[in-house]
Amino acid sequence: MFFTNLFFGMDFLWWILWSALLVWIFLVPYDIPGQRNRKRSAILILQERFAKGAIDLKEYERNKKILERDKIGPS
């Protein structure tokens, strides 16, 4: 009889379940099935464009020199 008001009428396991659900919803900032998305650096984007043939060697070297001079490349 005195168990009716214990844990506000919910079983202890239900409190654990609901608490875990709330933690998962509000504190996990990333998609569970996916991986964390990383920001691509400017030099990596430049290398990908050169590999795809979107830019030629002259433009690649010029832009790479600018990025290395300005220290915008990978950290």
N, C-alpha and C. Protein backbone atom coordinates (compact mmCIF):
# COMPACT_ATOMS: atom_id res chain seq x y z
N MET A 1 0.80 -1.20 0.00
CA MET A 1 0.00 0.00 0.00
C MET A 1 0.84 1.26 0.00
N PHE A 2 1.91 1.28 0.75
CA PHE A 2 2.70 2.50 0.79
C PHE A 2 3.58 2.66 -0.45
N PHE A 3 3.56 1.67 -1.37
CA PHE A 3 4.35 1.77 -2.60
C PHE A 3 3.65 2.58 -3.68
N THR A 4 2.42 2.96 -3.49
CA THR A 4 1.67 3.66 -4.54
C THR A 4 2.25 5.03 -4.84
N ASN A 5 2.79 5.73 -3.86
CA ASN A 5 3.35 7.05 -4.11
C ASN A 5 4.86 7.04 -4.32
N LEU A 6 5.45 5.88 -4.31
CA LEU A 6 6.89 5.77 -4.51
C LEU A 6 7.23 6.12 -5.96
N PHE A 7 8.15 6.99 -6.19
CA PHE A 7 8.57 7.47 -7.52
C PHE A 7 7.41 8.05 -8.30
N PHE A 8 6.49 8.70 -7.64
CA PHE A 8 5.33 9.36 -8.23
C PHE A 8 4.49 8.40 -9.06
N GLY A 9 4.34 7.18 -8.61
CA GLY A 9 3.50 6.21 -9.28
C GLY A 9 4.18 5.46 -10.42
N MET A 10 5.42 5.82 -10.74
CA MET A 10 6.14 5.12 -11.81
C MET A 10 7.15 4.17 -11.19
N ASP A 11 7.34 3.07 -11.84
CA ASP A 11 8.33 2.12 -11.39
C ASP A 11 9.72 2.71 -11.60
N PHE A 12 10.69 2.28 -10.84
CA PHE A 12 12.05 2.82 -10.94
C PHE A 12 12.65 2.59 -12.33
N LEU A 13 12.36 1.46 -12.95
CA LEU A 13 12.88 1.18 -14.30
C LEU A 13 12.31 2.14 -15.34
N TRP A 14 11.06 2.55 -15.19
CA TRP A 14 10.49 3.53 -16.11
C TRP A 14 11.18 4.88 -15.98
N TRP A 15 11.55 5.27 -14.77
CA TRP A 15 12.30 6.53 -14.59
C TRP A 15 13.64 6.45 -15.31
N ILE A 16 14.30 5.31 -15.23
CA ILE A 16 15.58 5.14 -15.93
C ILE A 16 15.36 5.22 -17.43
N LEU A 17 14.31 4.57 -17.92
CA LEU A 17 14.02 4.60 -19.36
C LEU A 17 13.75 6.01 -19.85
N TRP A 18 12.88 6.73 -19.18
CA TRP A 18 12.55 8.10 -19.61
C TRP A 18 13.75 9.05 -19.47
N SER A 19 14.52 8.87 -18.43
CA SER A 19 15.71 9.71 -18.26
C SER A 19 16.72 9.46 -19.38
N ALA A 20 16.93 8.19 -19.72
CA ALA A 20 17.86 7.87 -20.82
C ALA A 20 17.36 8.43 -22.13
N LEU A 21 16.06 8.37 -22.35
CA LEU A 21 15.48 8.92 -23.58
C LEU A 21 15.68 10.43 -23.66
N LEU A 22 15.46 11.12 -22.57
CA LEU A 22 15.65 12.58 -22.57
C LEU A 22 17.12 12.96 -22.76
N VAL A 23 18.02 12.21 -22.15
CA VAL A 23 19.44 12.47 -22.35
C VAL A 23 19.81 12.26 -23.80
N TRP A 24 19.30 11.20 -24.40
CA TRP A 24 19.61 10.91 -25.80
C TRP A 24 19.08 12.01 -26.72
N ILE A 25 17.89 12.49 -26.45
CA ILE A 25 17.29 13.51 -27.32
C ILE A 25 18.00 14.86 -27.19
N PHE A 26 18.30 15.28 -25.96
CA PHE A 26 18.79 16.63 -25.77
C PHE A 26 20.31 16.77 -25.67
N LEU A 27 21.01 15.74 -25.27
CA LEU A 27 22.44 15.88 -25.05
C LEU A 27 23.31 15.27 -26.14
N VAL A 28 22.76 14.48 -27.03
CA VAL A 28 23.55 13.89 -28.10
C VAL A 28 23.39 14.78 -29.33
N PRO A 29 24.43 15.56 -29.66
CA PRO A 29 24.28 16.53 -30.75
C PRO A 29 24.45 15.93 -32.15
N TYR A 30 24.83 14.68 -32.25
CA TYR A 30 25.11 14.08 -33.54
C TYR A 30 24.11 12.98 -33.85
N ASP A 31 23.96 12.70 -35.14
CA ASP A 31 23.11 11.60 -35.54
C ASP A 31 23.70 10.30 -35.03
N ILE A 32 22.89 9.46 -34.47
CA ILE A 32 23.38 8.19 -33.93
C ILE A 32 23.88 7.27 -35.05
N PRO A 33 23.12 7.05 -36.13
CA PRO A 33 23.61 6.12 -37.16
C PRO A 33 24.79 6.67 -37.95
N GLY A 34 24.85 7.97 -38.14
CA GLY A 34 25.89 8.57 -38.97
C GLY A 34 27.15 8.88 -38.19
N GLN A 35 28.11 9.40 -38.91
CA GLN A 35 29.35 9.81 -38.29
C GLN A 35 29.34 11.32 -38.13
N ARG A 36 30.23 11.79 -37.32
CA ARG A 36 30.34 13.24 -37.14
C ARG A 36 30.84 13.88 -38.43
N ASN A 37 30.23 14.99 -38.76
CA ASN A 37 30.65 15.71 -39.95
C ASN A 37 31.81 16.62 -39.61
N ARG A 38 32.86 16.48 -40.36
CA ARG A 38 34.02 17.33 -40.15
C ARG A 38 34.04 18.42 -41.21
N LYS A 39 34.49 19.57 -40.81
CA LYS A 39 34.62 20.66 -41.76
C LYS A 39 35.84 20.39 -42.63
N ARG A 40 35.66 20.56 -43.92
CA ARG A 40 36.77 20.34 -44.83
C ARG A 40 37.61 21.60 -44.89
N SER A 41 38.92 21.42 -44.92
CA SER A 41 39.81 22.57 -44.98
C SER A 41 39.87 23.09 -46.41
N ALA A 42 40.33 24.30 -46.54
CA ALA A 42 40.41 24.94 -47.85
C ALA A 42 41.39 24.22 -48.76
N ILE A 43 42.49 23.74 -48.20
CA ILE A 43 43.49 23.05 -49.03
C ILE A 43 42.95 21.71 -49.52
N LEU A 44 42.14 21.04 -48.70
CA LEU A 44 41.53 19.78 -49.12
C LEU A 44 40.53 20.00 -50.25
N ILE A 45 39.75 21.04 -50.15
CA ILE A 45 38.80 21.37 -51.22
C ILE A 45 39.56 21.69 -52.51
N LEU A 46 40.66 22.41 -52.38
CA LEU A 46 41.47 22.74 -53.55
C LEU A 46 42.04 21.47 -54.18
N GLN A 47 42.52 20.54 -53.37
CA GLN A 47 43.06 19.28 -53.89
C GLN A 47 41.98 18.46 -54.59
N GLU A 48 40.78 18.45 -54.04
CA GLU A 48 39.69 17.72 -54.66
C GLU A 48 39.31 18.33 -56.01
N ARG A 49 39.27 19.65 -56.08
CA ARG A 49 38.95 20.31 -57.36
C ARG A 49 40.01 20.03 -58.41
N PHE A 50 41.27 19.99 -57.99
CA PHE A 50 42.35 19.69 -58.93
C PHE A 50 42.26 18.24 -59.39
N ALA A 51 41.94 17.33 -58.47
CA ALA A 51 41.83 15.92 -58.83
C ALA A 51 40.66 15.66 -59.78
N LYS A 52 39.58 16.42 -59.66
CA LYS A 52 38.43 16.26 -60.55
C LYS A 52 38.65 16.91 -61.90
N GLY A 53 39.67 17.74 -62.00
CA GLY A 53 39.95 18.43 -63.26
C GLY A 53 39.20 19.74 -63.41
N ALA A 54 38.67 20.24 -62.34
CA ALA A 54 37.93 21.50 -62.39
C ALA A 54 38.87 22.70 -62.54
N ILE A 55 40.11 22.55 -62.08
CA ILE A 55 41.11 23.61 -62.22
C ILE A 55 42.38 22.99 -62.79
N ASP A 56 43.19 23.83 -63.43
CA ASP A 56 44.44 23.32 -64.00
C ASP A 56 45.59 23.48 -62.99
N LEU A 57 46.76 22.98 -63.37
CA LEU A 57 47.92 22.97 -62.47
C LEU A 57 48.36 24.38 -62.08
N LYS A 58 48.31 25.29 -63.04
CA LYS A 58 48.74 26.67 -62.76
C LYS A 58 47.85 27.31 -61.70
N GLU A 59 46.53 27.15 -61.87
CA GLU A 59 45.60 27.73 -60.90
C GLU A 59 45.72 27.03 -59.55
N TYR A 60 45.94 25.71 -59.57
CA TYR A 60 46.11 24.96 -58.31
C TYR A 60 47.31 25.47 -57.54
N GLU A 61 48.46 25.61 -58.20
CA GLU A 61 49.67 26.07 -57.52
C GLU A 61 49.53 27.49 -57.01
N ARG A 62 48.88 28.34 -57.79
CA ARG A 62 48.68 29.73 -57.37
C ARG A 62 47.80 29.79 -56.11
N ASN A 63 46.70 29.05 -56.13
CA ASN A 63 45.80 29.06 -54.97
C ASN A 63 46.45 28.38 -53.77
N LYS A 64 47.22 27.34 -53.99
CA LYS A 64 47.89 26.66 -52.88
C LYS A 64 48.90 27.60 -52.22
N LYS A 65 49.61 28.37 -53.03
CA LYS A 65 50.58 29.31 -52.49
C LYS A 65 49.87 30.38 -51.65
N ILE A 66 48.73 30.84 -52.12
CA ILE A 66 47.95 31.84 -51.37
C ILE A 66 47.48 31.26 -50.04
N LEU A 67 46.96 30.03 -50.07
CA LEU A 67 46.47 29.41 -48.85
C LEU A 67 47.59 29.17 -47.85
N GLU A 68 48.74 28.72 -48.32
CA GLU A 68 49.86 28.48 -47.41
C GLU A 68 50.40 29.78 -46.84
N ARG A 69 50.39 30.83 -47.65
CA ARG A 69 50.87 32.12 -47.18
C ARG A 69 49.93 32.69 -46.12
N ASP A 70 48.63 32.54 -46.33
CA ASP A 70 47.65 33.08 -45.39
C ASP A 70 47.34 32.12 -44.25
N LYS A 71 47.92 30.94 -44.26
CA LYS A 71 47.75 29.92 -43.22
C LYS A 71 46.28 29.55 -43.05
N ILE A 72 45.59 29.36 -44.17
CA ILE A 72 44.20 28.95 -44.14
C ILE A 72 44.10 27.44 -44.33
N GLY A 73 45.17 26.79 -44.59
CA GLY A 73 45.17 25.36 -44.85
C GLY A 73 44.77 24.56 -43.64
N PRO A 74 45.06 23.25 -43.67
CA PRO A 74 44.65 22.39 -42.54
C PRO A 74 45.31 22.79 -41.25
N SER A 75 44.57 22.66 -40.18
CA SER A 75 45.11 23.07 -38.87
C SER A 75 45.83 21.95 -38.18
